Amino acid sequence: MEMESAALFMRMLGALLLVLGAIFTAAWCMKRFGVTVTGRRQGGRIELIETRALGPKRHLHLVRCCGGLFLIGSGGDGLSLLSTIREPQGSDFEKLLSEAEEAAEQG
């Protein structure tokens, strides 16, 4: 009887470890590949367009609010408005984003 209890306990422990491993793996993949879960409301005024990681605890966020685009930097010391963008146009926008990334990396 005790052998059956030990075997059942080991099966339960193995299943628990498997489920916990799957949860941690999914969380790691979401963080690694930049997948976020947001509770967006339809018709909201603030929209997160894109986020790029520059390093540990350093990110660039492109946010649309009230018809304008804002480039916001976040780091260990808080948030900073880096630029206000009126009319993004193709490669001009990509150039602005790369310049902002370089500026954030330098300072």
N, C-alpha and C. Protein backbone atom coordinates (compact mmCIF):
# COMPACT_ATOMS: atom_id res chain seq x y z
N MET A 1 0.81 -1.19 0.00
CA MET A 1 0.00 0.00 0.00
C MET A 1 0.86 1.26 0.00
N GLU A 2 1.97 1.21 0.77
CA GLU A 2 2.83 2.39 0.84
C GLU A 2 3.56 2.62 -0.48
N MET A 3 3.87 1.58 -1.24
CA MET A 3 4.51 1.73 -2.54
C MET A 3 3.58 2.44 -3.51
N GLU A 4 2.28 2.12 -3.43
CA GLU A 4 1.32 2.77 -4.31
C GLU A 4 1.20 4.26 -3.98
N SER A 5 1.24 4.61 -2.68
CA SER A 5 1.16 6.00 -2.26
C SER A 5 2.38 6.78 -2.74
N ALA A 6 3.54 6.17 -2.61
CA ALA A 6 4.77 6.83 -3.05
C ALA A 6 4.76 7.04 -4.56
N ALA A 7 4.29 6.05 -5.31
CA ALA A 7 4.23 6.16 -6.77
C ALA A 7 3.22 7.24 -7.18
N LEU A 8 2.08 7.29 -6.50
CA LEU A 8 1.09 8.31 -6.80
C LEU A 8 1.62 9.70 -6.49
N PHE A 9 2.31 9.82 -5.36
CA PHE A 9 2.90 11.11 -4.99
C PHE A 9 3.93 11.56 -6.03
N MET A 10 4.76 10.64 -6.50
CA MET A 10 5.78 10.98 -7.49
C MET A 10 5.13 11.39 -8.82
N ARG A 11 4.04 10.72 -9.19
CA ARG A 11 3.33 11.10 -10.43
C ARG A 11 2.75 12.50 -10.30
N MET A 12 2.15 12.81 -9.14
CA MET A 12 1.58 14.14 -8.93
C MET A 12 2.67 15.20 -8.93
N LEU A 13 3.78 14.92 -8.28
CA LEU A 13 4.89 15.86 -8.23
C LEU A 13 5.45 16.10 -9.63
N GLY A 14 5.59 15.05 -10.41
CA GLY A 14 6.07 15.18 -11.78
C GLY A 14 5.13 16.01 -12.64
N ALA A 15 3.82 15.79 -12.49
CA ALA A 15 2.84 16.56 -13.25
C ALA A 15 2.88 18.03 -12.84
N LEU A 16 3.01 18.30 -11.55
CA LEU A 16 3.09 19.67 -11.06
C LEU A 16 4.33 20.37 -11.62
N LEU A 17 5.46 19.70 -11.60
CA LEU A 17 6.68 20.29 -12.14
C LEU A 17 6.57 20.54 -13.65
N LEU A 18 5.89 19.64 -14.34
CA LEU A 18 5.69 19.81 -15.78
C LEU A 18 4.83 21.05 -16.07
N VAL A 19 3.75 21.23 -15.32
CA VAL A 19 2.87 22.38 -15.51
C VAL A 19 3.61 23.68 -15.15
N LEU A 20 4.32 23.70 -14.03
CA LEU A 20 5.07 24.90 -13.65
C LEU A 20 6.15 25.23 -14.67
N GLY A 21 6.80 24.21 -15.18
CA GLY A 21 7.81 24.42 -16.22
C GLY A 21 7.20 25.03 -17.48
N ALA A 22 6.02 24.56 -17.86
CA ALA A 22 5.34 25.11 -19.04
C ALA A 22 4.96 26.58 -18.82
N ILE A 23 4.50 26.92 -17.62
CA ILE A 23 4.13 28.30 -17.32
C ILE A 23 5.35 29.21 -17.37
N PHE A 24 6.44 28.80 -16.74
CA PHE A 24 7.65 29.62 -16.75
C PHE A 24 8.25 29.74 -18.15
N THR A 25 8.17 28.67 -18.94
CA THR A 25 8.66 28.73 -20.31
C THR A 25 7.84 29.70 -21.15
N ALA A 26 6.53 29.67 -20.99
CA ALA A 26 5.66 30.59 -21.73
C ALA A 26 5.94 32.03 -21.32
N ALA A 27 6.13 32.29 -20.03
CA ALA A 27 6.43 33.64 -19.56
C ALA A 27 7.78 34.12 -20.11
N TRP A 28 8.76 33.25 -20.11
CA TRP A 28 10.08 33.61 -20.64
C TRP A 28 9.99 33.94 -22.13
N CYS A 29 9.26 33.12 -22.89
CA CYS A 29 9.11 33.36 -24.33
C CYS A 29 8.41 34.68 -24.60
N MET A 30 7.38 34.98 -23.80
CA MET A 30 6.66 36.25 -23.99
C MET A 30 7.59 37.43 -23.74
N LYS A 31 8.41 37.33 -22.70
CA LYS A 31 9.33 38.42 -22.40
C LYS A 31 10.43 38.50 -23.45
N ARG A 32 10.95 37.38 -23.86
CA ARG A 32 12.06 37.33 -24.81
C ARG A 32 11.67 37.90 -26.17
N PHE A 33 10.46 37.58 -26.63
CA PHE A 33 10.04 37.98 -27.96
C PHE A 33 9.14 39.22 -27.94
N GLY A 34 9.03 39.88 -26.80
CA GLY A 34 8.32 41.14 -26.73
C GLY A 34 6.82 41.04 -26.83
N VAL A 35 6.26 39.87 -26.55
CA VAL A 35 4.82 39.71 -26.58
C VAL A 35 4.25 40.24 -25.28
N THR A 36 3.26 41.12 -25.39
CA THR A 36 2.64 41.66 -24.19
C THR A 36 1.16 41.36 -24.20
N VAL A 37 0.62 41.28 -23.03
CA VAL A 37 -0.81 41.09 -22.88
C VAL A 37 -1.34 42.40 -22.33
N THR A 38 -2.17 43.08 -23.13
CA THR A 38 -2.70 44.37 -22.69
C THR A 38 -4.20 44.29 -22.61
N GLY A 39 -4.75 45.02 -21.70
CA GLY A 39 -6.18 45.11 -21.58
C GLY A 39 -6.67 46.36 -22.29
N ARG A 40 -6.60 46.38 -23.61
CA ARG A 40 -6.98 47.56 -24.37
C ARG A 40 -8.49 47.69 -24.42
N ARG A 41 -8.95 48.89 -24.23
CA ARG A 41 -10.36 49.18 -24.41
C ARG A 41 -10.53 49.78 -25.79
N GLN A 42 -11.63 49.44 -26.42
CA GLN A 42 -11.90 50.06 -27.72
C GLN A 42 -12.27 51.51 -27.50
N GLY A 43 -11.81 52.36 -28.38
CA GLY A 43 -12.13 53.77 -28.29
C GLY A 43 -11.27 54.52 -27.29
N GLY A 44 -10.22 53.88 -26.76
CA GLY A 44 -9.33 54.56 -25.84
C GLY A 44 -8.52 55.63 -26.54
N ARG A 45 -8.04 56.59 -25.81
CA ARG A 45 -7.29 57.70 -26.40
C ARG A 45 -5.79 57.41 -26.51
N ILE A 46 -5.29 56.47 -25.74
CA ILE A 46 -3.86 56.18 -25.74
C ILE A 46 -3.64 54.82 -26.38
N GLU A 47 -2.71 54.77 -27.35
CA GLU A 47 -2.39 53.53 -28.03
C GLU A 47 -0.88 53.34 -28.06
N LEU A 48 -0.41 52.20 -27.59
CA LEU A 48 1.00 51.86 -27.65
C LEU A 48 1.27 51.26 -29.01
N ILE A 49 2.05 51.98 -29.82
CA ILE A 49 2.33 51.54 -31.18
C ILE A 49 3.43 50.48 -31.20
N GLU A 50 4.53 50.79 -30.52
CA GLU A 50 5.67 49.87 -30.53
C GLU A 50 6.55 50.12 -29.31
N THR A 51 7.21 49.07 -28.86
CA THR A 51 8.18 49.17 -27.78
C THR A 51 9.44 48.43 -28.22
N ARG A 52 10.58 49.04 -28.00
CA ARG A 52 11.86 48.39 -28.31
C ARG A 52 12.75 48.42 -27.08
N ALA A 53 13.34 47.28 -26.78
CA ALA A 53 14.28 47.19 -25.66
C ALA A 53 15.65 47.65 -26.12
N LEU A 54 16.27 48.50 -25.32
CA LEU A 54 17.63 48.98 -25.62
C LEU A 54 18.66 48.30 -24.74
N GLY A 55 18.19 47.69 -23.70
CA GLY A 55 19.06 47.01 -22.73
C GLY A 55 18.24 46.69 -21.51
N PRO A 56 18.89 46.20 -20.48
CA PRO A 56 18.16 45.90 -19.26
C PRO A 56 17.51 47.16 -18.69
N LYS A 57 16.22 47.12 -18.51
CA LYS A 57 15.45 48.22 -17.92
C LYS A 57 15.53 49.51 -18.73
N ARG A 58 15.80 49.42 -20.03
CA ARG A 58 15.84 50.62 -20.90
C ARG A 58 15.03 50.32 -22.15
N HIS A 59 14.00 51.12 -22.39
CA HIS A 59 13.10 50.88 -23.51
C HIS A 59 12.70 52.19 -24.19
N LEU A 60 12.36 52.07 -25.47
CA LEU A 60 11.74 53.15 -26.23
C LEU A 60 10.29 52.76 -26.48
N HIS A 61 9.38 53.71 -26.28
CA HIS A 61 7.96 53.46 -26.50
C HIS A 61 7.44 54.50 -27.48
N LEU A 62 6.75 54.04 -28.50
CA LEU A 62 6.09 54.94 -29.43
C LEU A 62 4.60 54.91 -29.09
N VAL A 63 4.06 56.07 -28.71
CA VAL A 63 2.70 56.15 -28.20
C VAL A 63 1.91 57.15 -29.04
N ARG A 64 0.69 56.77 -29.40
CA ARG A 64 -0.21 57.70 -30.09
C ARG A 64 -1.26 58.15 -29.08
N CYS A 65 -1.44 59.47 -28.99
CA CYS A 65 -2.41 60.02 -28.06
C CYS A 65 -2.94 61.34 -28.63
N CYS A 66 -4.24 61.47 -28.69
CA CYS A 66 -4.89 62.72 -29.14
C CYS A 66 -4.37 63.20 -30.49
N GLY A 67 -4.13 62.29 -31.41
CA GLY A 67 -3.70 62.64 -32.74
C GLY A 67 -2.22 62.87 -32.92
N GLY A 68 -1.43 62.81 -31.87
CA GLY A 68 0.01 63.00 -31.97
C GLY A 68 0.75 61.72 -31.65
N LEU A 69 1.99 61.64 -32.09
CA LEU A 69 2.87 60.52 -31.77
C LEU A 69 3.96 61.02 -30.84
N PHE A 70 4.26 60.24 -29.82
CA PHE A 70 5.25 60.61 -28.83
C PHE A 70 6.25 59.48 -28.66
N LEU A 71 7.51 59.81 -28.68
CA LEU A 71 8.58 58.86 -28.42
C LEU A 71 9.01 59.04 -26.98
N ILE A 72 8.84 58.01 -26.19
CA ILE A 72 9.09 58.07 -24.75
C ILE A 72 10.18 57.07 -24.39
N GLY A 73 11.14 57.50 -23.62
CA GLY A 73 12.19 56.62 -23.13
C GLY A 73 11.91 56.25 -21.69
N SER A 74 12.13 54.99 -21.36
CA SER A 74 11.96 54.55 -19.98
C SER A 74 13.23 53.85 -19.52
N GLY A 75 13.56 54.08 -18.29
CA GLY A 75 14.75 53.47 -17.71
C GLY A 75 14.58 53.35 -16.22
N GLY A 76 15.65 53.01 -15.56
CA GLY A 76 15.62 52.84 -14.11
C GLY A 76 15.26 54.11 -13.37
N ASP A 77 15.51 55.27 -13.99
CA ASP A 77 15.24 56.55 -13.33
C ASP A 77 13.88 57.13 -13.68
N GLY A 78 13.09 56.48 -14.53
CA GLY A 78 11.75 56.96 -14.84
C GLY A 78 11.50 57.07 -16.33
N LEU A 79 10.54 57.93 -16.70
CA LEU A 79 10.14 58.14 -18.08
C LEU A 79 10.58 59.52 -18.56
N SER A 80 10.89 59.62 -19.86
CA SER A 80 11.27 60.90 -20.44
C SER A 80 10.64 61.02 -21.82
N LEU A 81 10.07 62.18 -22.12
CA LEU A 81 9.57 62.46 -23.46
C LEU A 81 10.78 62.82 -24.32
N LEU A 82 11.06 62.01 -25.31
CA LEU A 82 12.23 62.23 -26.17
C LEU A 82 11.88 63.08 -27.38
N SER A 83 10.67 62.86 -27.93
CA SER A 83 10.31 63.59 -29.13
C SER A 83 8.80 63.56 -29.32
N THR A 84 8.29 64.62 -29.93
CA THR A 84 6.91 64.66 -30.38
C THR A 84 6.93 64.63 -31.89
N ILE A 85 6.21 63.70 -32.48
CA ILE A 85 6.24 63.49 -33.92
C ILE A 85 4.88 63.88 -34.48
N ARG A 86 4.87 64.77 -35.44
CA ARG A 86 3.60 65.24 -36.01
C ARG A 86 3.12 64.34 -37.15
N GLU A 87 3.93 64.16 -38.18
CA GLU A 87 3.51 63.39 -39.35
C GLU A 87 4.61 62.42 -39.75
N PRO A 88 4.53 61.18 -39.27
CA PRO A 88 5.56 60.20 -39.65
C PRO A 88 5.42 59.82 -41.12
N GLN A 89 6.56 59.75 -41.83
CA GLN A 89 6.54 59.37 -43.23
C GLN A 89 7.66 58.38 -43.51
N GLY A 90 7.30 57.15 -43.70
CA GLY A 90 8.19 56.08 -44.13
C GLY A 90 9.57 56.10 -43.52
N SER A 91 10.59 56.30 -44.36
CA SER A 91 11.98 56.22 -43.93
C SER A 91 12.36 57.35 -42.98
N ASP A 92 11.67 58.52 -43.07
CA ASP A 92 11.95 59.60 -42.12
C ASP A 92 11.68 59.15 -40.70
N PHE A 93 10.59 58.41 -40.54
CA PHE A 93 10.25 57.92 -39.22
C PHE A 93 11.28 56.91 -38.73
N GLU A 94 11.68 55.99 -39.60
CA GLU A 94 12.68 54.99 -39.23
C GLU A 94 14.00 55.68 -38.87
N LYS A 95 14.36 56.72 -39.58
CA LYS A 95 15.59 57.47 -39.28
C LYS A 95 15.48 58.13 -37.91
N LEU A 96 14.33 58.74 -37.63
CA LEU A 96 14.11 59.38 -36.34
C LEU A 96 14.18 58.36 -35.20
N LEU A 97 13.59 57.19 -35.42
CA LEU A 97 13.60 56.16 -34.40
C LEU A 97 15.02 55.65 -34.14
N SER A 98 15.80 55.46 -35.20
CA SER A 98 17.18 54.98 -35.01
C SER A 98 18.04 56.04 -34.34
N GLU A 99 17.82 57.33 -34.65
CA GLU A 99 18.56 58.40 -33.99
C GLU A 99 18.21 58.45 -32.51
N ALA A 100 16.94 58.27 -32.19
CA ALA A 100 16.52 58.29 -30.80
C ALA A 100 17.12 57.11 -30.04
N GLU A 101 17.19 55.94 -30.67
CA GLU A 101 17.81 54.77 -30.05
C GLU A 101 19.28 55.04 -29.76
N GLU A 102 19.98 55.62 -30.73
CA GLU A 102 21.40 55.94 -30.53
C GLU A 102 21.60 56.94 -29.41
N ALA A 103 20.75 57.96 -29.35
CA ALA A 103 20.85 58.97 -28.31
C ALA A 103 20.58 58.36 -26.93
N ALA A 104 19.62 57.45 -26.87
CA ALA A 104 19.31 56.82 -25.59
C ALA A 104 20.45 55.90 -25.13
N GLU A 105 21.10 55.23 -26.09
CA GLU A 105 22.22 54.37 -25.74
C GLU A 105 23.42 55.15 -25.24
N GLN A 106 23.63 56.36 -25.77
CA GLN A 106 24.77 57.18 -25.38
C GLN A 106 24.55 57.89 -24.07
N GLY A 107 23.34 58.24 -23.75
CA GLY A 107 23.14 59.04 -22.55
C GLY A 107 21.97 58.61 -21.80
